[in-house]
């Protein structure tokens, strides 16, 4: 009888210890996901809705925005843990509004464009040390230019753990699927393994013409061996 009580006490301590470890490692904070639904054939809402349950299961509070513009983006980069944008892009430029003339994120503080309010992440006086990852899906947003600079590199330079953007055109359906698969894997593994998981299964589900741009044309910056959960 004493032996049974002893084992029960050990089991209770094991459960408490394991539960404590799991609680300590759970993520918390805000995840911001921006998308732009243009109509039939350009349905980007799943970038938010399909990632939502995975991020919530990690412990994040998740907020979705439809073409909300760049006005709040710098604040979200400063204070959020996850920052995702699926909107139009150009070399080194991540557009945030309803079209390419309605606000954008760039790297260099001296960048400018006639009629377009560009928000410079380097020019922002605050650091992004809370941010675990920024994912920018705009077409060619990951291209580095002498005018607007290296946008993922600038976000990491400001203190983010990691950032990624693409140097080619990004297919809408492929982005939605890849994004879902990335956060599905990120619940239990690190960033680079989540990249690989999303690469592999996007190819299986949608084929190589869709998966290859996302797999081979990334501008990855920061510690991709870190976890976001």
Protein backbone atom coordinates (compact mmCIF):
# COMPACT_ATOMS: atom_id res chain seq x y z
CA UNK A 1 0.00 0.00 0.00
CA UNK A 2 2.82 2.40 0.81
CA UNK A 3 4.46 1.58 -2.49
CA UNK A 4 1.30 2.49 -4.39
CA UNK A 5 1.06 5.83 -2.59
CA UNK A 6 4.72 6.53 -3.37
CA UNK A 7 4.21 5.87 -7.06
CA UNK A 8 1.11 8.04 -7.09
CA UNK A 9 3.03 10.95 -5.58
CA UNK A 10 5.79 10.54 -8.17
CA UNK A 11 3.19 10.50 -10.94
CA UNK A 12 1.57 13.66 -9.61
CA UNK A 13 4.91 15.50 -9.53
CA UNK A 14 5.65 14.31 -13.08
CA UNK A 15 2.32 15.63 -14.34
CA UNK A 16 2.81 18.96 -12.58
CA UNK A 17 6.35 19.30 -13.93
CA UNK A 18 5.33 18.41 -17.49
CA UNK A 19 2.35 20.75 -17.39
CA UNK A 20 4.55 23.54 -16.09
CA UNK A 21 7.09 23.06 -18.87
CA UNK A 22 4.35 23.13 -21.50
CA UNK A 23 2.83 26.27 -20.04
CA UNK A 24 6.20 27.98 -19.90
CA UNK A 25 6.91 27.24 -23.56
CA UNK A 26 3.50 28.34 -24.88
CA UNK A 27 3.53 31.38 -27.15
CA UNK A 28 1.67 34.56 -26.33
CA UNK A 29 1.19 38.00 -27.84
CA UNK A 30 -0.35 39.27 -31.06
CA UNK A 31 -0.22 37.92 -34.60
CA UNK A 32 -1.21 40.32 -37.41
CA UNK A 33 -2.21 39.00 -40.84
CA UNK A 34 -2.90 41.38 -43.74
CA UNK A 35 -4.58 40.25 -46.96
CA UNK A 36 -6.29 41.83 -49.97
CA UNK A 37 -9.35 40.25 -51.59
CA UNK A 38 -9.67 41.64 -55.13
CA UNK A 39 -12.50 39.42 -56.32
CA UNK A 40 -12.83 36.05 -58.08
CA UNK A 41 -9.49 34.37 -58.63
CA UNK A 42 -7.66 36.48 -56.04
CA UNK A 43 -9.11 35.19 -52.81
CA UNK A 44 -6.51 35.91 -50.13
CA UNK A 45 -8.67 35.63 -47.02
CA UNK A 46 -7.45 32.04 -46.34
CA UNK A 47 -4.03 33.51 -45.59
CA UNK A 48 -5.72 34.67 -42.41
CA UNK A 49 -8.48 32.12 -41.83
CA UNK A 50 -6.43 28.97 -42.51
CA UNK A 51 -3.55 30.10 -40.28
CA UNK A 52 -5.90 31.28 -37.51
CA UNK A 53 -6.47 27.96 -35.69
CA UNK A 54 -2.77 27.07 -35.75
CA UNK A 55 -1.70 30.42 -34.33
CA UNK A 56 -4.44 30.33 -31.72
CA UNK A 57 -3.38 26.85 -30.65
CA UNK A 58 0.11 28.27 -30.01
CA UNK A 59 -1.37 30.92 -27.73
CA UNK A 60 -1.45 33.95 -30.02
CA UNK A 61 -4.21 36.52 -30.29
CA UNK A 62 -4.77 36.79 -34.06
CA UNK A 63 -5.98 39.85 -35.97
CA UNK A 64 -6.86 39.98 -39.67
CA UNK A 65 -6.91 43.08 -41.91
CA UNK A 66 -8.21 43.46 -45.45
CA UNK A 67 -6.12 46.05 -47.33
CA UNK A 68 -5.89 48.21 -44.23
CA UNK A 69 -2.93 50.27 -45.44
CA UNK A 70 0.46 50.80 -43.83
CA UNK A 71 -0.58 53.30 -41.18
CA UNK A 72 -0.52 50.78 -38.34
CA UNK A 73 2.10 48.44 -39.80
CA UNK A 74 5.11 49.95 -38.03
CA UNK A 75 3.33 49.74 -34.68
CA UNK A 76 2.49 46.10 -35.36
CA UNK A 77 6.12 45.37 -36.27
CA UNK A 78 7.22 46.95 -32.99
CA UNK A 79 4.68 45.29 -30.72
CA UNK A 80 3.57 42.08 -32.44
CA UNK A 81 5.12 38.62 -32.45
CA UNK A 82 3.93 37.53 -35.92
CA UNK A 83 3.47 39.84 -38.94
CA UNK A 84 2.17 38.49 -42.27
CA UNK A 85 1.21 40.37 -45.45
CA UNK A 86 -0.40 38.87 -48.58
CA UNK A 87 -0.87 41.81 -50.90
CA UNK A 88 0.74 43.18 -54.06
CA UNK A 89 4.44 43.89 -54.12
CA UNK A 90 7.28 45.22 -56.24
CA UNK A 91 11.08 44.94 -55.96
CA UNK A 92 11.78 45.77 -52.32
CA UNK A 93 8.27 47.12 -51.75
CA UNK A 94 5.38 45.52 -49.84
CA UNK A 95 2.12 47.29 -50.67
CA UNK A 96 -0.44 47.36 -47.87
CA UNK A 97 -3.55 49.02 -49.32
CA UNK A 98 -6.08 48.37 -52.06
CA UNK A 99 -3.69 49.09 -54.93
CA UNK A 100 -0.10 50.02 -55.67
CA UNK A 101 -0.72 53.72 -54.99
CA UNK A 102 -1.97 53.22 -51.45
CA UNK A 103 0.91 52.98 -48.95
CA UNK A 104 3.77 50.51 -48.71
CA UNK A 105 6.58 49.23 -46.51
CA UNK A 106 10.17 49.71 -47.67
CA UNK A 107 13.58 49.45 -46.03
CA UNK A 108 15.46 52.69 -46.69
CA UNK A 109 14.50 55.90 -44.92
CA UNK A 110 15.27 58.00 -48.01
CA UNK A 111 12.94 56.09 -50.34
CA UNK A 112 10.11 57.97 -51.98
CA UNK A 113 7.61 57.66 -54.80
CA UNK A 114 5.35 60.29 -56.32
CA UNK A 115 1.91 60.05 -54.73
CA UNK A 116 2.71 56.93 -52.69
CA UNK A 117 3.21 57.14 -48.91
CA UNK A 118 6.09 54.76 -48.23
CA UNK A 119 6.78 53.77 -44.64
CA UNK A 120 10.45 53.07 -43.95
CA UNK A 121 11.21 50.35 -41.41
CA UNK A 122 14.76 51.65 -41.00
CA UNK A 123 13.44 55.16 -40.45
CA UNK A 124 11.20 53.92 -37.64
CA UNK A 125 12.80 55.00 -34.36
CA UNK A 126 11.60 51.91 -32.48
CA UNK A 127 13.04 48.39 -32.52
CA UNK A 128 11.28 45.15 -33.48
CA UNK A 129 12.78 42.99 -30.75
CA UNK A 130 9.41 41.40 -29.89
CA UNK A 131 8.88 40.18 -33.44
CA UNK A 132 9.54 36.49 -34.06
CA UNK A 133 8.88 36.47 -37.81
CA UNK A 134 7.68 38.74 -40.60
CA UNK A 135 6.41 37.00 -43.75
CA UNK A 136 5.91 39.25 -46.79
CA UNK A 137 4.22 37.51 -49.73
CA UNK A 138 4.04 40.43 -52.16
CA UNK A 139 5.47 39.64 -55.61
CA UNK A 140 9.21 40.45 -55.74
CA UNK A 141 9.08 42.08 -52.28
CA UNK A 142 12.28 40.20 -51.41
CA UNK A 143 14.29 41.73 -54.26
CA UNK A 144 17.06 44.00 -52.95
CA UNK A 145 17.47 47.34 -54.75
CA UNK A 146 19.69 50.36 -54.27
CA UNK A 147 16.63 52.61 -53.89
CA UNK A 148 14.42 50.80 -51.39
CA UNK A 149 16.96 48.37 -49.92
CA UNK A 150 16.51 44.87 -48.44
CA UNK A 151 13.13 44.76 -46.69
CA UNK A 152 13.48 41.41 -44.83
CA UNK A 153 17.07 42.31 -43.95
CA UNK A 154 15.99 45.68 -42.59
CA UNK A 155 13.29 44.11 -40.40
CA UNK A 156 15.88 41.75 -38.90
CA UNK A 157 18.35 44.63 -38.57
CA UNK A 158 15.73 46.38 -36.44
CA UNK A 159 15.67 43.41 -34.04
CA UNK A 160 13.24 40.80 -35.41
CA UNK A 161 14.25 37.17 -35.03
CA UNK A 162 13.55 36.34 -38.69
CA UNK A 163 11.93 37.71 -41.84
CA UNK A 164 11.24 36.29 -45.28
CA UNK A 165 10.04 37.63 -48.63
CA UNK A 166 10.15 36.37 -52.21
CA UNK A 167 12.19 37.55 -55.19
CA UNK A 168 9.69 36.38 -57.84
CA UNK A 169 5.96 36.48 -58.48
CA UNK A 170 4.02 34.62 -55.79
CA UNK A 171 0.89 32.64 -56.80
CA UNK A 172 -2.15 33.49 -54.68
CA UNK A 173 -3.36 29.91 -54.21
CA UNK A 174 0.18 28.76 -53.50
CA UNK A 175 0.69 31.43 -50.85
CA UNK A 176 -2.55 30.49 -49.08
CA UNK A 177 -1.59 26.81 -48.98
CA UNK A 178 2.06 27.42 -48.11
CA UNK A 179 1.13 29.82 -45.30
CA UNK A 180 -1.29 27.31 -43.77
CA UNK A 181 1.30 24.55 -43.92
CA UNK A 182 4.03 26.76 -42.46
CA UNK A 183 2.02 27.57 -39.34
CA UNK A 184 0.79 23.99 -39.07
CA UNK A 185 4.39 22.79 -38.72
CA UNK A 186 5.56 25.78 -36.66
CA UNK A 187 3.44 24.58 -33.74
CA UNK A 188 6.00 21.82 -33.10
CA UNK A 189 9.19 22.74 -34.99
CA UNK A 190 11.50 25.58 -35.94
CA UNK A 191 11.22 28.09 -38.79
CA UNK A 192 13.44 26.33 -41.33
CA UNK A 193 11.72 22.97 -40.84
CA UNK A 194 8.40 24.75 -41.23
CA UNK A 195 9.68 26.21 -44.52
CA UNK A 196 10.60 22.71 -45.69
CA UNK A 197 7.28 21.25 -44.59
CA UNK A 198 5.37 23.95 -46.48
CA UNK A 199 7.59 23.50 -49.57
CA UNK A 200 7.07 19.75 -49.70
CA UNK A 201 3.33 19.63 -49.13
CA UNK A 202 2.54 22.60 -51.36
CA UNK A 203 4.21 20.68 -54.18
CA UNK A 204 2.27 17.51 -53.33
CA UNK A 205 -1.06 19.35 -53.16
CA UNK A 206 -0.72 21.96 -55.94
CA UNK A 207 2.19 20.79 -58.11
CA UNK A 208 5.64 22.12 -58.96
CA UNK A 209 4.59 25.13 -61.09
CA UNK A 210 2.91 26.56 -57.98
CA UNK A 211 5.37 25.35 -55.36
CA UNK A 212 8.68 26.14 -57.07
CA UNK A 213 8.44 29.95 -56.90
CA UNK A 214 7.78 29.71 -53.16
CA UNK A 215 10.49 27.10 -52.61
CA UNK A 216 13.42 28.47 -54.59
CA UNK A 217 13.05 32.25 -54.58
CA UNK A 218 13.11 33.26 -50.92
CA UNK A 219 15.02 36.07 -49.29
CA UNK A 220 15.45 34.63 -45.79
CA UNK A 221 17.01 36.73 -43.07
CA UNK A 222 17.71 36.19 -39.37
CA UNK A 223 17.71 33.08 -37.22
CA UNK A 224 15.67 30.57 -39.22
CA UNK A 225 16.51 27.85 -36.69
CA UNK A 226 14.48 29.67 -34.02
CA UNK A 227 10.98 28.62 -33.01
CA UNK A 228 7.89 30.82 -33.04
CA UNK A 229 5.79 28.69 -30.70
